[in-house]
Each structure stands twice: as C-alpha cells, then as structure tokens.
Protein backbone atom coordinates (compact mmCIF):
# COMPACT_ATOMS: atom_id res chain seq x y z
CA MET A 1 39.61 219.20 69.49
CA LYS A 2 37.57 216.69 67.41
CA LYS A 3 40.72 215.00 66.22
CA THR A 4 41.80 214.55 69.73
CA LYS A 5 38.55 212.90 70.78
CA SER A 6 38.70 210.51 67.84
CA THR A 7 42.15 209.41 68.81
CA LYS A 8 41.06 208.67 72.36
CA LYS A 9 38.21 206.52 71.14
CA VAL A 10 40.49 204.43 68.95
CA LYS A 11 42.83 203.80 71.85
CA GLN A 12 39.99 202.77 74.10
CA THR A 13 38.63 200.36 71.47
CA THR A 14 41.99 198.74 70.97
CA LYS A 15 42.39 198.23 74.70
CA LYS A 16 39.03 196.55 74.97
CA VAL A 17 39.86 194.17 72.12
CA VAL A 18 43.02 193.04 73.83
CA VAL A 19 41.24 192.35 77.10
CA LYS A 20 38.39 190.45 75.56
CA GLU A 21 40.50 188.26 73.26
CA PRO A 22 40.07 184.62 74.44
CA CYS A 23 43.15 182.51 75.33
CA CYS A 24 41.78 179.55 73.38
CA SER A 25 38.66 178.58 71.52
CA GLY A 26 36.36 175.57 71.28
CA GLY A 27 37.58 173.95 74.66
CA MET A 28 41.11 173.36 73.31
CA CYS A 29 42.66 174.99 76.41
CA SER A 30 41.57 172.13 78.78
CA TRP A 31 42.80 169.43 76.37
CA THR A 32 46.18 171.13 76.15
CA ILE A 33 46.55 170.95 79.98
CA TYR A 34 45.79 167.24 79.94
CA VAL A 35 48.42 166.67 77.26
CA TYR A 36 51.02 168.58 79.26
CA TRP A 37 50.29 166.58 82.43
CA PHE A 38 50.41 163.30 80.49
CA ILE A 39 53.82 164.17 79.13
CA ILE A 40 55.10 165.14 82.60
CA LEU A 41 53.83 161.93 84.22
CA PHE A 42 55.27 159.87 81.39
CA PHE A 43 58.74 161.30 81.92
CA ILE A 44 58.49 160.79 85.73
CA ALA A 45 57.50 157.15 85.25
CA ALA A 46 60.24 156.61 82.70
CA THR A 47 62.80 158.12 85.04
CA PHE A 48 61.86 155.80 87.90
CA TYR A 49 61.87 152.82 85.56
CA ILE A 50 65.37 153.65 84.34
CA ILE A 51 66.63 154.11 87.91
CA GLY A 52 65.07 150.81 88.96
CA ARG A 53 66.63 148.95 86.05
CA SER A 54 70.03 150.43 86.80
CA GLN A 55 69.81 149.34 90.44
CA GLU A 56 68.75 145.87 89.38
CA PHE A 57 71.72 145.76 87.05
CA LEU A 58 74.11 146.86 89.76
CA HIS A 59 72.58 144.62 92.47
CA PRO A 60 70.85 141.74 90.69
CA ALA A 61 68.39 139.79 92.85
CA PRO A 62 69.29 136.12 93.41
CA HIS A 63 67.13 133.62 91.61
CA ASN A 64 64.82 131.20 93.38
CA VAL A 65 65.22 132.86 96.82
CA VAL A 66 62.63 131.80 99.38
CA ILE A 67 62.43 134.09 102.39
CA THR A 68 61.79 132.08 105.56
CA GLU A 69 61.57 132.96 109.22
CA GLU A 70 64.99 131.41 109.77
CA ALA A 71 66.51 133.61 107.07
CA LEU A 72 65.29 136.70 108.90
CA LEU A 73 66.98 135.72 112.19
CA GLN A 74 70.06 137.67 113.20
CA PRO A 75 73.20 136.01 114.67
CA GLU A 76 72.26 137.27 118.15
CA ASP A 77 68.88 135.54 117.81
CA TYR A 78 70.63 132.28 117.02
CA ILE A 79 72.89 132.70 120.06
CA ASN A 80 70.00 133.28 122.47
CA SER A 81 67.98 130.43 121.02
CA ALA A 82 70.97 128.09 121.10
CA LYS A 83 71.69 128.96 124.75
CA GLU A 84 68.11 128.08 125.70
CA LYS A 85 68.36 124.77 123.87
CA LEU A 86 71.71 123.93 125.51
CA VAL A 87 70.25 124.58 128.96
CA ALA A 88 67.26 122.42 128.08
CA GLY A 89 69.57 119.63 126.87
CA ASN A 90 68.53 119.90 123.21
CA ILE A 91 72.14 119.81 122.03
CA ASP A 92 71.46 118.70 118.44
CA GLU A 93 69.01 121.56 117.85
CA ALA A 94 71.38 124.02 119.51
CA MET A 95 74.24 122.81 117.32
CA ALA A 96 72.17 123.32 114.15
CA GLU A 97 71.47 126.94 115.10
CA LEU A 98 75.06 127.59 116.13
CA ASN A 99 76.35 126.22 112.82
CA ALA A 100 73.97 128.55 110.98
CA ALA A 101 75.09 131.50 113.08
CA VAL A 102 78.79 130.75 112.57
CA ASP A 103 78.25 130.46 108.82
CA ALA A 104 76.41 133.79 108.79
CA ASN A 105 78.79 135.78 110.96
CA ALA A 106 81.49 134.00 112.95
CA THR A 107 82.45 135.78 116.17
CA SER A 108 84.59 134.88 119.15
CA ASN A 109 81.55 134.41 121.39
CA LEU A 110 79.88 132.17 118.79
CA TYR A 111 82.93 129.92 118.59
CA ALA A 112 83.06 129.73 122.40
CA LEU A 113 79.37 128.81 122.63
CA ARG A 114 79.62 126.19 119.91
CA GLY A 115 82.70 124.81 121.67
CA GLU A 116 80.58 124.40 124.81
CA ALA A 117 78.02 122.46 122.76
CA TYR A 118 80.73 120.22 121.33
CA MET A 119 82.07 119.66 124.84
CA GLN A 120 78.61 118.61 126.05
CA MET A 121 78.44 116.17 123.15
CA GLY A 122 81.80 114.71 124.14
CA ASP A 123 83.40 115.89 120.90
CA TYR A 124 86.48 117.30 122.58
CA GLN A 125 88.54 117.76 119.42
CA ASN A 126 86.00 120.06 117.74
CA ALA A 127 85.44 121.80 121.07
CA LEU A 128 89.15 122.55 121.34
CA THR A 129 89.22 123.81 117.75
CA ASP A 130 86.38 126.23 118.44
CA PHE A 131 87.88 127.46 121.70
CA ASN A 132 91.18 128.06 119.89
CA SER A 133 89.35 130.05 117.22
CA ALA A 134 87.54 132.07 119.90
CA VAL A 135 90.74 133.18 121.65
CA GLU A 136 92.49 133.85 118.34
CA MET A 137 89.69 136.23 117.35
CA ASP A 138 89.55 137.91 120.77
CA GLY A 139 92.47 137.61 123.13
CA MET A 140 90.35 139.23 125.88
CA ASN A 141 87.50 136.70 125.76
CA ALA A 142 87.54 135.47 129.37
CA VAL A 143 84.72 132.98 128.73
CA ALA A 144 86.63 131.29 125.92
CA PHE A 145 89.74 130.92 128.10
CA TYR A 146 87.64 129.58 130.98
CA ASP A 147 85.85 127.08 128.71
CA ARG A 148 89.15 125.86 127.32
CA ALA A 149 90.44 125.50 130.89
CA LEU A 150 87.46 123.27 131.71
CA LEU A 151 88.14 121.19 128.62
CA ASN A 152 91.82 120.82 129.42
CA THR A 153 90.84 119.81 132.94
CA ARG A 154 88.65 117.03 131.53
CA LEU A 155 91.56 115.97 129.38
CA GLU A 156 93.73 116.02 132.55
CA ASN A 157 96.02 118.56 130.93
CA TYR A 158 96.27 120.56 134.14
CA ASP A 159 99.21 122.76 133.20
CA ALA A 160 97.39 123.98 130.09
CA ALA A 161 94.21 124.44 132.13
CA LEU A 162 96.12 126.54 134.67
CA ALA A 163 97.53 128.74 131.91
CA ASP A 164 94.02 129.27 130.53
CA ILE A 165 92.65 130.20 133.94
CA ASN A 166 95.47 132.73 134.35
CA ASN A 167 94.49 134.25 131.00
CA ALA A 168 90.82 134.19 131.96
CA LEU A 169 91.60 136.09 135.18
CA ALA A 170 93.61 138.69 133.27
CA ALA A 171 90.91 139.08 130.61
CA GLN A 172 88.11 139.28 133.18
CA SER A 173 89.90 142.08 135.04
CA MET A 174 90.30 144.11 131.82
CA LYS A 175 87.15 143.15 129.92
CA PRO A 176 84.61 141.76 132.42
CA SER A 177 82.03 139.23 131.27
CA ASP A 178 78.64 138.99 132.97
CA ILE A 179 78.85 135.21 132.70
CA LEU A 180 81.92 134.87 134.93
CA THR A 181 82.91 136.14 138.37
CA MET A 182 86.37 136.63 139.81
CA ARG A 183 85.26 134.56 142.80
CA ASN A 184 84.65 131.49 140.62
CA LEU A 185 87.81 132.02 138.60
CA TYR A 186 89.97 132.15 141.74
CA ALA A 187 88.19 129.07 143.08
CA LYS A 188 88.88 127.19 139.85
CA ARG A 189 92.54 128.13 139.90
CA GLY A 190 92.70 127.09 143.54
CA GLN A 191 91.34 123.68 142.57
CA LEU A 192 93.91 123.28 139.82
CA ASN A 193 96.71 124.27 142.21
CA LEU A 194 95.36 121.76 144.71
CA TRP A 195 95.49 118.97 142.12
CA LEU A 196 98.99 120.07 141.14
CA LYS A 197 99.95 119.96 144.86
CA ASN A 198 100.78 123.63 144.89
CA TRP A 199 99.35 123.91 148.41
CA GLN A 200 100.26 127.52 149.14
CA GLY A 201 99.03 128.62 145.73
CA ALA A 202 95.75 126.83 146.36
CA ILE A 203 95.35 128.43 149.79
CA ALA A 204 96.00 131.89 148.32
CA ASP A 205 93.50 131.36 145.49
CA TYR A 206 90.78 130.03 147.78
CA THR A 207 91.36 132.95 150.14
CA ASN A 208 91.02 135.40 147.24
CA SER A 209 87.85 133.65 146.14
CA LEU A 210 86.28 133.93 149.58
CA ALA A 211 87.27 137.60 149.82
CA ARG A 212 85.31 138.52 146.70
CA SER A 213 81.83 140.00 147.12
CA GLU A 214 80.18 138.89 143.89
CA GLY A 215 78.30 135.61 143.68
CA SER A 216 77.60 133.16 146.47
CA VAL A 217 80.10 131.33 148.66
CA SER A 218 80.59 127.63 147.91
CA ALA A 219 81.11 125.09 150.66
CA ASN A 220 83.57 123.36 148.33
CA VAL A 221 85.95 126.31 148.56
CA TYR A 222 86.18 126.00 152.33
CA ALA A 223 86.48 122.21 152.16
CA GLU A 224 89.18 122.28 149.48
CA ARG A 225 91.14 124.96 151.31
CA ALA A 226 90.91 122.70 154.38
CA GLU A 227 92.62 119.97 152.32
CA ALA A 228 95.42 122.37 151.40
CA TYR A 229 95.79 123.47 155.03
CA THR A 230 95.95 119.81 156.06
CA ALA A 231 98.69 119.16 153.50
CA VAL A 232 100.88 121.92 154.95
CA GLY A 233 100.15 120.89 158.54
CA GLU A 234 97.91 123.82 159.50
CA LEU A 235 95.35 121.56 161.16
CA ASP A 236 93.54 124.18 163.23
CA SER A 237 92.90 126.23 160.08
CA ALA A 238 91.68 123.08 158.34
CA VAL A 239 89.20 122.33 161.17
CA ASN A 240 87.89 125.90 161.00
CA ASP A 241 87.37 125.57 157.25
CA TYR A 242 85.43 122.30 157.60
CA THR A 243 83.26 124.02 160.20
CA SER A 244 82.67 126.91 157.76
CA ALA A 245 81.82 124.48 154.96
CA ILE A 246 79.22 122.80 157.17
CA ARG A 247 77.78 126.18 158.12
CA VAL A 248 77.39 127.15 154.44
CA ILE A 249 75.62 123.87 153.72
CA SER A 250 73.26 124.35 156.66
CA GLU A 251 72.38 127.84 155.35
CA GLN A 252 71.85 126.72 151.75
CA ILE A 253 70.33 123.28 152.15
CA GLN A 254 66.75 124.51 152.46
CA ALA A 255 67.07 126.25 149.10
CA ALA A 256 68.03 123.00 147.35
CA PRO A 257 65.52 122.37 144.54
CA THR A 258 64.93 118.67 145.21
CA GLN A 259 65.04 116.16 148.04
CA GLU A 260 67.85 114.40 146.22
CA ASP A 261 69.94 117.59 146.28
CA ARG A 262 69.26 118.08 149.99
CA GLU A 263 70.34 114.53 150.73
CA ALA A 264 73.52 114.97 148.67
CA GLN A 265 74.42 118.13 150.60
CA SER A 266 73.70 116.38 153.89
CA SER A 267 76.07 113.57 152.90
CA ARG A 268 78.79 116.12 152.20
CA ALA A 269 78.25 117.72 155.60
CA MET A 270 78.52 114.28 157.21
CA SER A 271 81.88 113.66 155.51
CA TYR A 272 83.16 117.09 156.63
CA PHE A 273 82.24 116.27 160.25
CA GLU A 274 84.22 113.04 159.98
CA LYS A 275 87.26 114.80 158.51
CA SER A 276 87.10 117.44 161.21
CA ALA A 277 86.93 114.67 163.83
CA ALA A 278 90.08 113.08 162.42
CA LEU A 279 91.94 116.40 162.55
CA ASN A 280 90.80 117.05 166.12
CA LEU A 281 92.12 113.64 167.12
CA ASN A 282 95.50 114.53 165.60
CA LEU A 283 95.40 117.75 167.61
CA GLY A 284 94.66 115.77 170.77
CA LYS A 285 91.13 117.20 171.06
CA THR A 286 89.24 113.99 171.76
CA GLU A 287 86.03 115.60 173.04
CA SER A 288 85.82 117.81 169.95
CA ALA A 289 86.38 114.73 167.81
CA ILE A 290 83.54 112.88 169.59
CA SER A 291 81.25 115.90 169.13
CA ASP A 292 82.01 115.91 165.40
CA LEU A 293 81.30 112.19 165.11
CA GLU A 294 78.02 112.54 166.98
CA SER A 295 76.91 115.18 164.48
CA ALA A 296 77.94 112.90 161.62
CA PHE A 297 75.98 110.03 163.22
CA ALA A 298 72.84 112.19 163.47
CA ILE A 299 73.03 112.98 159.76
CA ALA A 300 73.59 109.32 158.84
CA ALA A 301 70.56 108.31 160.90
CA ALA A 302 68.43 111.02 159.24
CA LEU A 303 69.48 109.73 155.84
CA ASN A 304 68.71 106.12 156.85
CA ASP A 305 72.32 105.30 156.02
CA GLU A 306 72.69 102.33 158.36
CA GLU A 307 76.17 101.40 157.16
CA SER A 308 77.60 104.84 157.89
CA ALA A 309 75.67 105.13 161.14
CA ASN A 310 77.07 101.81 162.45
CA ARG A 311 80.61 102.71 161.42
CA ILE A 312 80.46 106.14 163.10
CA GLN A 313 78.88 104.72 166.26
CA ASN A 314 81.71 102.21 166.55
CA LEU A 315 84.23 105.05 166.30
CA ILE A 316 82.45 106.95 169.04
CA ASN A 317 82.43 103.88 171.28
CA ASP A 318 86.16 103.38 170.71
CA LEU A 319 86.95 106.96 171.69
CA ARG A 320 84.91 106.71 174.84
C-alpha cells in the first residue's frame, strides 16, 4: 500500500512540473513575435514590389507625360463641345476639337460633323472627303448622306445629291437619326426633283413630306409644290397650295425671333398672293385675282415698300 502511494505522488509531481514550465524566459517570447511579424511584413512588401516592377516592365509609363484637362476628355465630349462651337459660329475652335477627336477615335459621326465644319468654312474638297469617309465607315449613316447631298447641291451636282437623298431616306427608315426627320428628307428630295424638272416626282415628294407627322410644316413645301402643279397645268391645286403657304406663314409669323424675320416672312406672303393672283387670272377668276392683289398691297403698305405698293395698285386699277 505504501508503494502505491509513493507512485501516485511522483506522478502528481511530474504533472505539476509540466504545467508550470514557462514557454520562454527573460521576455524573449515577445521579441520572437516581433521578429516573426517583421519577416512576414518584409515578404509582403517584397511581393508587391516585385509585382509592381513586373507590371512596369510589361506596361512601361511614357516619359514626360503631362496630364491636362484636354487629355481627359472623351471623344463624345469633343463632339458635344464642337457642336456648341459650330452653332455659335466658332468654326476654328470647333475644328481644333474635331481634329483631336478624329485623331483619338475616328468614327462615322465624327467624320460627318467635321465635314459640316469644313462645309461652313467653304472648304468643299475636305468636306467631301470627310463625308465619303463617314459613309464608307457606316453605310446606314443617314446624316452623312444628307450632308453630302447638301454639299453636292451647293456644287450644283444635282444627280449626285438626289442619289444621296435616296440613300439618306433608306438609311433613316432602317436606322433613324434624331437629327433628321422623314418630313425634311422628302421635302429636300422634292426640291431636287423640282430643280431637275421632274414635276410629278416633286409633287409626290412634297405630298409625302406634308403627310408626315414629325416636325413642323414649312410654307416652302406648299409654295414649291404649287410651282410643280403650275408646271403640269394643275392651276387650281397650285392656287390652293399658295393659300396654304400663306396660312402657315400667318400662323408662324408671331413666333419669328426678330422683326427682320417677321418682315422677311411677310414679303414671302406678299409674293405668294401675287402668284396666286396670276393663276386666278389664267383661270378666268378676275375677282379672286383682285382680292389676292389687295392682300398683297396691304402687306406692301405695312412694310413701307412703296415700290411694290405702287406696282400692285396699278395692277388692281388695270383689272378694274
């Protein structure tokens, strides 16, 4: 029994020694932790340094690069800014921004817009080059075709202009642009057909233009269709169109931004009254002709246009 108790005591003593044995002595344990953390942080920093150097090697930064506000602009920013400058008449500044945008990322719309700037400057050759580039890049760019049609019209190349308007109409029907309307495109083709003496084609185009719902009606469309009707001998239709043109002017004249614009529209209305009077005379409608001339006289008097007023009054006297 005594031997057994002695054995138990030894085991208990040994167990106590194991539990009480310190993990380190003299504060060395805390220093060891610091060393471990230093080593870990060193390897982390070295890893990031190596990764950074490898990226720099693969994508070296250009030397002497100065980051400016202009360098941060995107092509769309250049386009919007250039449009504002073109509207304001600052063509040189707009051209500088458009050149920068084309150099950065040439697109069909950019070429078309720069072509418009060239056209405003009177540089028709560069304008044509840009419009050609625009349609080559995007065969459904209705604006580019329309712009080139306007340019060809200025160059009196009416057949080419007509082909461009046909392409613009096709492109607009498949890939509509917010800038254009089918009403204006039909009106433009009607004008080209009128100049080419394709009277029936002009009448059809003007009729299609007037039938469209988008945009506002132009008095010019009625007046130009009246010319086409006159050419084919449909005088009653022509008189009706001149009357409609005058009505549109009377509805829109108050919205004209300046007195000069209102006077210009009034002068147009006066000329339409005179043309209507001439047609009514050909139709044997003398009283209607006199009524038209009296309206024209009233406008001439309001405009203080003595020369026109005297001429119209003499016509009225002759008819009476």
